[in-house]
Amino acid sequence: MTTVLLMMHLLLALALVGVVLIQRSEGGGLGIGGGMGGLMSGRGTADFLTRTTAILAACFMASSMLLAYVSTRDEAPVSVLEELEKPADDEDFTDLQTELPSAAPEIEFEEAPSVPVDQ
């Protein structure tokens, strides 16, 4: 479900960027030409793009909030301080060596045979 919501969110973001770039700014920008031979008049195009931008922005915000809700619903937040205060379980440790030897064992070295230097 999260993947589907994330893909819809991405498509909404791309559509919103596209619609905003198409709109005519005060300086002209990337706006659509408002010639008389066009399908819609300049005023009708501006109203249509403004409404489309508002609808896409509202859908984008709703999908953002829905994604935030879905992502936090699965896991409960855990504080670092709560983790420190929690007693350690016996299963967390392996019982490799329970007691340390009291003294190091005596190691006896054998005398190495001497090798004459002139060989």
Protein backbone atom coordinates (compact mmCIF):
# COMPACT_ATOMS: atom_id res chain seq x y z
CA MET A 1 0.00 0.00 0.00
CA THR A 2 2.86 2.34 0.81
CA THR A 3 4.37 1.78 -2.63
CA VAL A 4 1.12 2.65 -4.39
CA LEU A 5 0.72 5.81 -2.28
CA LEU A 6 4.31 6.79 -2.93
CA MET A 7 3.89 6.38 -6.70
CA MET A 8 0.68 8.46 -6.64
CA HIS A 9 2.52 11.11 -4.59
CA LEU A 10 5.33 11.20 -7.13
CA LEU A 11 2.89 11.56 -10.05
CA LEU A 12 1.04 14.34 -8.23
CA ALA A 13 4.32 16.17 -7.64
CA LEU A 14 5.31 15.92 -11.29
CA ALA A 15 1.87 17.08 -12.43
CA LEU A 16 1.95 20.01 -10.01
CA VAL A 17 5.38 21.11 -11.24
CA GLY A 18 4.21 20.83 -14.84
CA VAL A 19 1.04 22.85 -14.30
CA VAL A 20 2.92 25.56 -12.43
CA LEU A 21 5.49 25.84 -15.22
CA ILE A 22 2.78 26.13 -17.88
CA GLN A 23 1.11 29.10 -16.18
CA ARG A 24 1.87 32.57 -17.39
CA SER A 25 3.90 34.58 -14.93
CA GLU A 26 4.10 38.37 -14.79
CA GLY A 27 7.19 38.28 -16.97
CA GLY A 28 5.80 35.79 -19.48
CA GLY A 29 7.84 32.78 -18.34
CA LEU A 30 6.83 29.46 -19.88
CA GLY A 31 3.19 30.47 -20.13
CA ILE A 32 0.84 29.40 -22.87
CA GLY A 33 0.32 31.93 -25.64
CA GLY A 34 -3.10 33.52 -25.47
CA GLY A 35 -3.71 34.00 -29.18
CA MET A 36 -7.22 34.41 -30.57
CA GLY A 37 -7.00 31.19 -32.57
CA GLY A 38 -6.48 29.08 -29.44
CA LEU A 39 -8.99 26.64 -28.04
CA MET A 40 -9.47 28.70 -24.89
CA SER A 41 -9.11 32.39 -24.31
CA GLY A 42 -6.28 33.73 -22.15
CA ARG A 43 -8.66 34.34 -19.26
CA GLY A 44 -10.24 30.87 -19.50
CA THR A 45 -6.83 29.21 -19.62
CA ALA A 46 -5.67 31.13 -16.54
CA ASP A 47 -8.79 30.15 -14.58
CA PHE A 48 -8.47 26.52 -15.65
CA LEU A 49 -4.76 26.35 -14.71
CA THR A 50 -5.40 28.09 -11.39
CA ARG A 51 -8.12 25.60 -10.49
CA THR A 52 -5.97 22.68 -11.63
CA THR A 53 -3.07 23.94 -9.51
CA ALA A 54 -5.30 24.29 -6.46
CA ILE A 55 -6.74 20.79 -6.90
CA LEU A 56 -3.31 19.21 -7.47
CA ALA A 57 -1.88 21.08 -4.46
CA ALA A 58 -4.72 19.85 -2.22
CA CYS A 59 -4.27 16.26 -3.45
CA PHE A 60 -0.50 16.54 -2.93
CA MET A 61 -0.93 17.73 0.66
CA ALA A 62 -3.49 14.98 1.37
CA SER A 63 -1.17 12.31 -0.01
CA SER A 64 1.70 13.73 2.07
CA MET A 65 -0.33 13.45 5.26
CA LEU A 66 -1.57 9.98 4.32
CA LEU A 67 1.98 8.77 3.65
CA ALA A 68 3.12 10.17 7.00
CA TYR A 69 0.27 8.38 8.77
CA VAL A 70 0.86 5.06 7.00
CA SER A 71 4.61 5.12 7.62
CA THR A 72 4.23 5.67 11.39
CA ARG A 73 1.32 3.29 11.85
CA ASP A 74 3.42 0.12 11.55
CA GLU A 75 6.05 0.90 14.17
CA ALA A 76 5.78 2.43 17.60
CA PRO A 77 8.51 4.99 18.27
CA VAL A 78 11.10 3.88 20.79
CA SER A 79 13.09 6.31 22.85
CA VAL A 80 16.81 5.80 23.25
CA LEU A 81 16.46 6.34 26.99
CA GLU A 82 13.86 3.56 27.21
CA GLU A 83 16.27 1.22 25.46
CA LEU A 84 19.01 2.03 27.99
CA GLU A 85 16.75 1.39 30.98
CA LYS A 86 15.45 -1.91 29.62
CA PRO A 87 17.10 -4.91 31.35
CA ALA A 88 19.13 -7.14 29.10
CA ASP A 89 17.63 -10.48 28.20
CA ASP A 90 19.58 -13.66 28.83
CA GLU A 91 19.13 -14.57 25.18
CA ASP A 92 21.12 -11.52 24.10
CA PHE A 93 24.34 -13.03 25.38
CA THR A 94 26.02 -16.26 24.40
CA ASP A 95 27.57 -18.42 27.06
CA LEU A 96 31.00 -18.88 25.51
CA GLN A 97 33.02 -18.64 28.68
CA THR A 98 31.38 -18.18 32.04
CA GLU A 99 34.46 -18.10 34.22
CA LEU A 100 37.85 -16.70 33.55
CA PRO A 101 40.78 -18.82 34.69
CA SER A 102 42.31 -17.54 37.92
CA ALA A 103 45.88 -17.73 36.64
CA ALA A 104 47.46 -18.13 33.29
CA PRO A 105 48.63 -21.68 32.61
CA GLU A 106 52.33 -22.34 32.82
CA ILE A 107 53.84 -22.72 29.40
CA GLU A 108 56.97 -24.82 29.15
CA PHE A 109 59.31 -24.14 26.31
CA GLU A 110 61.68 -26.74 25.02
CA GLU A 111 65.26 -25.76 24.42
CA ALA A 112 65.79 -25.18 20.73
CA PRO A 113 68.70 -27.12 19.26
CA SER A 114 71.69 -24.94 18.63
CA VAL A 115 72.82 -24.52 15.07
CA PRO A 116 76.46 -23.85 14.39
CA VAL A 117 77.06 -20.49 12.76
CA ASP A 118 79.58 -21.69 10.14
CA GLN A 119 77.13 -23.84 8.22
